[in-house]
PDB file of N, CA and C in Angstrom:
ATOM      1  N   MET A   1       7.659 -29.596 -26.413  1.00  0.00           N
ATOM      2  CA  MET A   1       6.536 -29.109 -25.602  1.00  0.00           C
ATOM      3  C   MET A   1       6.196 -29.124 -24.182  1.00  0.00           C
ATOM      4  N   PRO A   2       5.896 -28.361 -23.518  1.00  0.00           N
ATOM      5  CA  PRO A   2       6.248 -28.531 -22.284  1.00  0.00           C
ATOM      6  C   PRO A   2       4.729 -29.388 -21.621  1.00  0.00           C
ATOM      7  N   SER A   3       5.498 -30.227 -20.614  1.00  0.00           N
ATOM      8  CA  SER A   3       4.231 -30.693 -19.598  1.00  0.00           C
ATOM      9  C   SER A   3       3.297 -30.137 -19.058  1.00  0.00           C
ATOM     10  N   SER A   4       3.666 -28.510 -18.612  1.00  0.00           N
ATOM     11  CA  SER A   4       1.815 -28.127 -18.053  1.00  0.00           C
ATOM     12  C   SER A   4       1.312 -27.066 -19.378  1.00  0.00           C
ATOM     13  N   GLU A   5       1.342 -27.436 -20.778  1.00  0.00           N
ATOM     14  CA  GLU A   5       0.569 -27.363 -22.002  1.00  0.00           C
ATOM     15  C   GLU A   5      -0.982 -27.535 -21.156  1.00  0.00           C
ATOM     16  N   ASP A   6      -1.650 -27.078 -21.589  1.00  0.00           N
ATOM     17  CA  ASP A   6      -3.113 -27.475 -21.920  1.00  0.00           C
ATOM     18  C   ASP A   6      -3.057 -28.189 -22.400  1.00  0.00           C
ATOM     19  N   PRO A   7      -4.218 -29.659 -22.263  1.00  0.00           N
ATOM     20  CA  PRO A   7      -4.241 -30.871 -23.354  1.00  0.00           C
ATOM     21  C   PRO A   7      -4.745 -30.722 -24.480  1.00  0.00           C
ATOM     22  N   HIS A   8      -6.030 -29.348 -24.320  1.00  0.00           N
ATOM     23  CA  HIS A   8      -6.169 -29.096 -25.743  1.00  0.00           C
ATOM     24  C   HIS A   8      -5.450 -28.592 -26.653  1.00  0.00           C
ATOM     25  N   LEU A   9      -5.122 -27.609 -25.760  1.00  0.00           N
ATOM     26  CA  LEU A   9      -3.379 -26.758 -27.283  1.00  0.00           C
ATOM     27  C   LEU A   9      -3.583 -28.609 -27.687  1.00  0.00           C
ATOM     28  N   ALA A  10      -2.783 -29.313 -26.844  1.00  0.00           N
ATOM     29  CA  ALA A  10      -2.479 -30.020 -27.422  1.00  0.00           C
ATOM     30  C   ALA A  10      -3.363 -31.199 -28.510  1.00  0.00           C
ATOM     31  N   LYS A  11      -4.459 -31.189 -28.143  1.00  0.00           N
ATOM     32  CA  LYS A  11      -5.456 -31.990 -29.493  1.00  0.00           C
ATOM     33  C   LYS A  11      -4.848 -31.454 -30.433  1.00  0.00           C
ATOM     34  N   LEU A  12      -5.681 -29.862 -29.886  1.00  0.00           N
ATOM     35  CA  LEU A  12      -5.797 -28.431 -31.315  1.00  0.00           C
ATOM     36  C   LEU A  12      -4.507 -28.734 -32.004  1.00  0.00           C
ATOM     37  N   ARG A  13      -3.641 -28.718 -31.960  1.00  0.00           N
ATOM     38  CA  ARG A  13      -2.221 -28.316 -32.502  1.00  0.00           C
ATOM     39  C   ARG A  13      -2.510 -30.420 -33.825  1.00  0.00           C
ATOM     40  N   GLU A  14      -3.162 -30.816 -32.347  1.00  0.00           N
ATOM     41  CA  GLU A  14      -3.167 -32.715 -33.185  1.00  0.00           C
ATOM     42  C   GLU A  14      -4.114 -32.304 -34.992  1.00  0.00           C
ATOM     43  N   PHE A  15      -4.934 -32.029 -34.460  1.00  0.00           N
ATOM     44  CA  PHE A  15      -6.249 -31.695 -34.793  1.00  0.00           C
ATOM     45  C   PHE A  15      -5.258 -30.555 -36.593  1.00  0.00           C
ATOM     46  N   ARG A  16      -4.669 -29.458 -36.258  1.00  0.00           N
ATOM     47  CA  ARG A  16      -4.345 -28.415 -37.484  1.00  0.00           C
ATOM     48  C   ARG A  16      -2.639 -29.514 -37.997  1.00  0.00           C
ATOM     49  N   ASP A  17      -2.108 -30.428 -37.194  1.00  0.00           N
ATOM     50  CA  ASP A  17      -1.651 -31.533 -37.906  1.00  0.00           C
ATOM     51  C   ASP A  17      -1.825 -31.803 -38.978  1.00  0.00           C
ATOM     52  N   ARG A  18      -2.948 -32.841 -38.366  1.00  0.00           N
ATOM     53  CA  ARG A  18      -3.695 -33.563 -39.470  1.00  0.00           C
ATOM     54  C   ARG A  18      -4.398 -32.758 -40.732  1.00  0.00           C
ATOM     55  N   ALA A  19      -4.603 -32.104 -40.352  1.00  0.00           N
ATOM     56  CA  ALA A  19      -5.305 -31.142 -40.861  1.00  0.00           C
ATOM     57  C   ALA A  19      -4.357 -30.866 -42.608  1.00  0.00           C
ATOM     58  N   CYS A  20      -3.392 -29.913 -41.976  1.00  0.00           N
ATOM     59  CA  CYS A  20      -2.634 -29.080 -42.717  1.00  0.00           C
ATOM     60  C   CYS A  20      -1.778 -30.932 -43.721  1.00  0.00           C
ATOM     61  N   ALA A  21      -1.951 -31.721 -43.140  1.00  0.00           N
ATOM     62  CA  ALA A  21      -1.029 -33.129 -44.204  1.00  0.00           C
ATOM     63  C   ALA A  21      -2.411 -33.406 -45.721  1.00  0.00           C
ATOM     64  N   CYS A  22      -4.030 -33.055 -45.369  1.00  0.00           N
ATOM     65  CA  CYS A  22      -4.570 -33.184 -46.224  1.00  0.00           C
ATOM     66  C   CYS A  22      -4.227 -32.511 -47.266  1.00  0.00           C
ATOM     67  N   LYS A  23      -5.130 -33.438 -48.877  1.00  0.00           N
ATOM     68  CA  LYS A  23      -4.828 -32.750 -49.591  1.00  0.00           C
ATOM     69  C   LYS A  23      -6.214 -32.854 -50.869  1.00  0.00           C
ATOM     70  N   ASP A  24      -7.378 -33.053 -50.196  1.00  0.00           N
ATOM     71  CA  ASP A  24      -8.004 -32.619 -50.311  1.00  0.00           C
ATOM     72  C   ASP A  24      -8.913 -32.480 -49.596  1.00  0.00           C
ATOM     73  N   LYS A  25     -10.685 -32.121 -50.022  1.00  0.00           N
ATOM     74  CA  LYS A  25     -11.923 -31.691 -49.409  1.00  0.00           C
ATOM     75  C   LYS A  25     -12.151 -32.830 -48.589  1.00  0.00           C
ATOM     76  N   ARG A  26     -12.299 -34.053 -48.627  1.00  0.00           N
ATOM     77  CA  ARG A  26     -12.867 -35.319 -48.043  1.00  0.00           C
ATOM     78  C   ARG A  26     -11.780 -35.327 -47.016  1.00  0.00           C
ATOM     79  N   CYS A  27     -10.863 -35.240 -47.112  1.00  0.00           N
ATOM     80  CA  CYS A  27      -9.695 -35.267 -45.617  1.00  0.00           C
ATOM     81  C   CYS A  27      -9.937 -34.093 -44.842  1.00  0.00           C
ATOM     82  N   VAL A  28     -10.107 -33.038 -45.390  1.00  0.00           N
ATOM     83  CA  VAL A  28     -10.110 -32.041 -44.039  1.00  0.00           C
ATOM     84  C   VAL A  28     -11.206 -31.839 -43.959  1.00  0.00           C
ATOM     85  N   ASP A  29     -12.633 -32.251 -44.646  1.00  0.00           N
ATOM     86  CA  ASP A  29     -13.826 -32.946 -43.809  1.00  0.00           C
ATOM     87  C   ASP A  29     -13.912 -33.352 -42.370  1.00  0.00           C
ATOM     88  N   ALA A  30     -13.521 -34.681 -42.464  1.00  0.00           N
ATOM     89  CA  ALA A  30     -13.129 -35.391 -41.836  1.00  0.00           C
ATOM     90  C   ALA A  30     -12.822 -35.656 -41.126  1.00  0.00           C
ATOM     91  N   VAL A  31     -11.739 -34.235 -40.906  1.00  0.00           N
ATOM     92  CA  VAL A  31     -10.828 -33.710 -39.515  1.00  0.00           C
ATOM     93  C   VAL A  31     -11.751 -32.932 -39.327  1.00  0.00           C
ATOM     94  N   GLN A  32     -12.335 -32.156 -39.970  1.00  0.00           N
ATOM     95  CA  GLN A  32     -13.165 -31.165 -38.499  1.00  0.00           C
ATOM     96  C   GLN A  32     -14.610 -31.623 -38.566  1.00  0.00           C
ATOM     97  N   GLN A  33     -14.795 -32.641 -39.132  1.00  0.00           N
ATOM     98  CA  GLN A  33     -15.806 -33.807 -38.211  1.00  0.00           C
ATOM     99  C   GLN A  33     -15.241 -33.737 -36.494  1.00  0.00           C
ATOM    100  N   GLU A  34     -14.507 -34.580 -36.969  1.00  0.00           N
ATOM    101  CA  GLU A  34     -14.147 -34.922 -35.809  1.00  0.00           C
ATOM    102  C   GLU A  34     -13.748 -33.575 -34.485  1.00  0.00           C
ATOM    103  N   LEU A  35     -12.818 -32.704 -35.074  1.00  0.00           N
ATOM    104  CA  LEU A  35     -12.630 -31.627 -34.789  1.00  0.00           C
ATOM    105  C   LEU A  35     -14.345 -30.901 -33.597  1.00  0.00           C
ATOM    106  N   ILE A  36     -15.441 -31.601 -34.413  1.00  0.00           N
ATOM    107  CA  ILE A  36     -16.343 -30.213 -33.721  1.00  0.00           C
ATOM    108  C   ILE A  36     -16.968 -31.547 -33.072  1.00  0.00           C
ATOM    109  N   ALA A  37     -16.496 -32.735 -33.129  1.00  0.00           N
ATOM    110  CA  ALA A  37     -17.053 -33.883 -32.364  1.00  0.00           C
ATOM    111  C   ALA A  37     -16.463 -33.782 -30.868  1.00  0.00           C
ATOM    112  N   TYR A  38     -15.379 -33.291 -31.268  1.00  0.00           N
ATOM    113  CA  TYR A  38     -14.456 -33.236 -29.379  1.00  0.00           C
ATOM    114  C   TYR A  38     -14.723 -31.846 -28.407  1.00  0.00           C
ATOM    115  N   ALA A  39     -14.798 -31.248 -29.522  1.00  0.00           N
ATOM    116  CA  ALA A  39     -15.697 -29.384 -29.271  1.00  0.00           C
ATOM    117  C   ALA A  39     -17.389 -29.398 -28.589  1.00  0.00           C
ATOM    118  N   SER A  40     -17.480 -30.907 -29.141  1.00  0.00           N
ATOM    119  CA  SER A  40     -19.330 -30.887 -28.266  1.00  0.00           C
ATOM    120  C   SER A  40     -19.227 -31.520 -27.525  1.00  0.00           C
ATOM    121  N   ALA A  41     -18.009 -32.561 -27.348  1.00  0.00           N
ATOM    122  CA  ALA A  41     -18.058 -33.743 -26.394  1.00  0.00           C
ATOM    123  C   ALA A  41     -17.313 -33.128 -25.041  1.00  0.00           C
ATOM    124  N   ASP A  42     -16.869 -32.382 -25.474  1.00  0.00           N
ATOM    125  CA  ASP A  42     -15.173 -31.435 -24.051  1.00  0.00           C
ATOM    126  C   ASP A  42     -16.445 -30.127 -22.769  1.00  0.00           C
ATOM    127  N   LYS A  43     -16.933 -30.910 -21.566  1.00  0.00           N
ATOM    128  CA  LYS A  43     -17.497 -30.473 -21.177  1.00  0.00           C
ATOM    129  C   LYS A  43     -16.295 -29.634 -19.842  1.00  0.00           C
ATOM    130  N   SER A  44     -15.695 -29.319 -20.027  1.00  0.00           N
ATOM    131  CA  SER A  44     -13.938 -28.874 -19.279  1.00  0.00           C
ATOM    132  C   SER A  44     -14.628 -27.235 -18.825  1.00  0.00           C
ATOM    133  N   THR A  45     -14.626 -27.039 -17.582  1.00  0.00           N
ATOM    134  CA  THR A  45     -15.672 -25.634 -17.146  1.00  0.00           C
ATOM    135  C   THR A  45     -14.229 -24.830 -16.702  1.00  0.00           C
ATOM    136  N   THR A  46     -12.742 -25.054 -16.720  1.00  0.00           N
ATOM    137  CA  THR A  46     -12.180 -24.897 -16.189  1.00  0.00           C
ATOM    138  C   THR A  46     -11.702 -22.892 -17.344  1.00  0.00           C
ATOM    139  N   LYS A  47     -11.683 -21.797 -17.192  1.00  0.00           N
ATOM    140  CA  LYS A  47     -11.221 -21.310 -18.016  1.00  0.00           C
ATOM    141  C   LYS A  47      -9.814 -21.526 -18.660  1.00  0.00           C
ATOM    142  N   PRO A  48      -9.407 -21.362 -19.607  1.00  0.00           N
ATOM    143  CA  PRO A  48      -8.274 -21.630 -20.490  1.00  0.00           C
ATOM    144  C   PRO A  48      -7.611 -20.226 -19.791  1.00  0.00           C
ATOM    145  N   SER A  49      -6.175 -19.626 -19.917  1.00  0.00           N
ATOM    146  CA  SER A  49      -5.276 -18.821 -19.538  1.00  0.00           C
ATOM    147  C   SER A  49      -5.703 -17.451 -20.772  1.00  0.00           C
ATOM    148  N   LYS A  50      -5.126 -16.716 -20.762  1.00  0.00           N
ATOM    149  CA  LYS A  50      -4.935 -15.796 -21.918  1.00  0.00           C
ATOM    150  C   LYS A  50      -3.684 -16.220 -22.721  1.00  0.00           C
ATOM    151  N   ALA A  51      -2.628 -16.245 -22.169  1.00  0.00           N
ATOM    152  CA  ALA A  51      -1.724 -17.002 -22.768  1.00  0.00           C
ATOM    153  C   ALA A  51      -2.532 -18.473 -23.945  1.00  0.00           C
ATOM    154  N   ASP A  52      -3.101 -19.263 -23.584  1.00  0.00           N
ATOM    155  CA  ASP A  52      -3.978 -20.144 -23.853  1.00  0.00           C
ATOM    156  C   ASP A  52      -4.737 -19.723 -24.554  1.00  0.00           C
ATOM    157  N   GLU A  53      -5.040 -18.886 -24.624  1.00  0.00           N
ATOM    158  CA  GLU A  53      -6.670 -18.109 -25.561  1.00  0.00           C
ATOM    159  C   GLU A  53      -5.758 -18.348 -27.257  1.00  0.00           C
ATOM    160  N   GLN A  54      -5.133 -16.996 -26.793  1.00  0.00           N
ATOM    161  CA  GLN A  54      -3.852 -16.890 -28.319  1.00  0.00           C
ATOM    162  C   GLN A  54      -3.489 -17.462 -28.352  1.00  0.00           C
ATOM    163  N   ALA A  55      -2.685 -19.030 -27.448  1.00  0.00           N
ATOM    164  CA  ALA A  55      -1.987 -19.930 -28.456  1.00  0.00           C
ATOM    165  C   ALA A  55      -3.628 -20.820 -28.986  1.00  0.00           C
ATOM    166  N   ALA A  56      -4.882 -20.559 -28.229  1.00  0.00           N
ATOM    167  CA  ALA A  56      -5.595 -21.616 -29.521  1.00  0.00           C
ATOM    168  C   ALA A  56      -6.274 -20.467 -30.474  1.00  0.00           C
ATOM    169  N   ASP A  57      -6.078 -19.227 -30.168  1.00  0.00           N
ATOM    170  CA  ASP A  57      -6.788 -18.932 -31.699  1.00  0.00           C
ATOM    171  C   ASP A  57      -5.355 -18.679 -32.699  1.00  0.00           C
ATOM    172  N   GLN A  58      -3.973 -18.755 -32.249  1.00  0.00           N
ATOM    173  CA  GLN A  58      -2.738 -18.825 -33.502  1.00  0.00           C
ATOM    174  C   GLN A  58      -3.232 -20.769 -34.178  1.00  0.00           C
ATOM    175  N   ILE A  59      -3.332 -21.210 -33.499  1.00  0.00           N
ATOM    176  CA  ILE A  59      -3.011 -23.106 -33.656  1.00  0.00           C
ATOM    177  C   ILE A  59      -4.402 -23.688 -34.387  1.00  0.00           C
ATOM    178  N   LEU A  60      -5.527 -22.090 -34.723  1.00  0.00           N
ATOM    179  CA  LEU A  60      -6.470 -22.096 -35.799  1.00  0.00           C
ATOM    180  C   LEU A  60      -7.170 -21.173 -36.858  1.00  0.00           C
ATOM    181  N   THR A  61      -6.295 -20.487 -36.524  1.00  0.00           N
ATOM    182  CA  THR A  61      -5.745 -19.712 -37.336  1.00  0.00           C
ATOM    183  C   THR A  61      -4.898 -20.754 -38.756  1.00  0.00           C
ATOM    184  N   GLU A  62      -4.488 -21.297 -38.361  1.00  0.00           N
ATOM    185  CA  GLU A  62      -3.185 -22.224 -39.230  1.00  0.00           C
ATOM    186  C   GLU A  62      -4.039 -23.525 -39.873  1.00  0.00           C
ATOM    187  N   LEU A  63      -4.911 -24.006 -38.302  1.00  0.00           N
ATOM    188  CA  LEU A  63      -6.291 -24.688 -39.137  1.00  0.00           C
ATOM    189  C   LEU A  63      -6.580 -24.760 -40.479  1.00  0.00           C
ATOM    190  N   GLU A  64      -7.405 -22.824 -40.281  1.00  0.00           N
ATOM    191  CA  GLU A  64      -8.094 -22.884 -41.415  1.00  0.00           C
ATOM    192  C   GLU A  64      -7.316 -22.386 -42.448  1.00  0.00           C
ATOM    193  N   LYS A  65      -6.576 -21.930 -42.663  1.00  0.00           N
ATOM    194  CA  LYS A  65      -5.826 -22.021 -43.529  1.00  0.00           C
ATOM    195  C   LYS A  65      -5.230 -23.597 -44.363  1.00  0.00           C
ATOM    196  N   CYS A  66      -4.708 -24.517 -43.723  1.00  0.00           N
ATOM    197  CA  CYS A  66      -4.941 -25.495 -44.106  1.00  0.00           C
ATOM    198  C   CYS A  66      -6.120 -25.874 -44.659  1.00  0.00           C
ATOM    199  N   VAL A  67      -7.005 -25.350 -44.153  1.00  0.00           N
ATOM    200  CA  VAL A  67      -8.437 -26.559 -44.809  1.00  0.00           C
ATOM    201  C   VAL A  67      -9.239 -25.332 -45.376  1.00  0.00           C
ATOM    202  N   GLU A  68      -8.393 -24.443 -45.601  1.00  0.00           N
ATOM    203  CA  GLU A  68      -8.858 -23.813 -46.974  1.00  0.00           C
ATOM    204  C   GLU A  68      -7.983 -24.432 -48.094  1.00  0.00           C
ATOM    205  N   ALA A  69      -6.983 -24.337 -48.238  1.00  0.00           N
ATOM    206  CA  ALA A  69      -5.667 -24.675 -49.064  1.00  0.00           C
ATOM    207  C   ALA A  69      -6.275 -26.107 -49.334  1.00  0.00           C
ATOM    208  N   ALA A  70      -6.305 -26.613 -49.117  1.00  0.00           N
ATOM    209  CA  ALA A  70      -7.924 -28.370 -49.161  1.00  0.00           C
ATOM    210  C   ALA A  70      -9.055 -28.270 -50.405  1.00  0.00           C
ATOM    211  N   GLY A  71      -9.215 -27.419 -49.779  1.00  0.00           N
ATOM    212  CA  GLY A  71     -10.864 -26.878 -50.693  1.00  0.00           C
ATOM    213  C   GLY A  71     -12.096 -26.556 -49.618  1.00  0.00           C
ATOM    214  N   GLY A  72     -11.333 -26.847 -48.409  1.00  0.00           N
ATOM    215  CA  GLY A  72     -12.699 -26.528 -47.385  1.00  0.00           C
ATOM    216  C   GLY A  72     -13.028 -25.906 -47.105  1.00  0.00           C
ATOM    217  N   LYS A  73     -13.905 -25.997 -45.567  1.00  0.00           N
ATOM    218  CA  LYS A  73     -14.919 -24.630 -45.404  1.00  0.00           C
ATOM    219  C   LYS A  73     -14.296 -24.315 -43.894  1.00  0.00           C
ATOM    220  N   LEU A  74     -13.960 -24.219 -43.358  1.00  0.00           N
ATOM    221  CA  LEU A  74     -14.218 -23.296 -41.897  1.00  0.00           C
ATOM    222  C   LEU A  74     -15.042 -22.416 -41.461  1.00  0.00           C
TER     223      LEU A  74
END
C-alpha cells in the first residue's frame, strides 16, 4: 500500500478483510457494528479525492459480498 493512502481506506480494507474471514452471521454482525461505530465517530471534514471515493466504493462492494456470503445484510 502506498504510504500516502487515505487512512480511512486502510481502515475500510481492514473491516473488509475481517468480514471476509467470517464464516457466520454473528461474526459479520460484530464487524458491521464496529464499522458503524467507526463511521459514526469519524468527524473528518476533509473531502476525499475522486480516486479515494472510487476505491472506497470498491472496498464496500467487496465487504457487502462477504457479509452476504456469511448470512448477514449490509
